[in-house]
């Protein structure tokens, strides 16, 4: 199993996997290192700048891992929404033509 999986089906992407867990861990770690990094950078400490660089890497990992799942879910929702809007338009057109 690859951590950087590119292809998901909508049904697979809708379930929690290790990818979601890793994205949560990396995301929280990124927020923590940004906070510590900003404090250290304000004090002009080398470890502060190192923490900021680490937070950039952790943020990139978070997006790299979770983005394919989110794109798949978004595409599936968009298709579902398009079908719903077409049904509503057909229904509204029918009411205008044959309504009261």
Foldseek 3Di string as FASTA:
>chain_A
DDLQDQDDALVRLVDDDVLVVLLVVLQVLLVVLQVQLVVCVVVPHPVSVVSPVSSVVSNVSSCSRNVNSVVNNVVVVVVVVVVVVVVVVVVVVVCVVPND
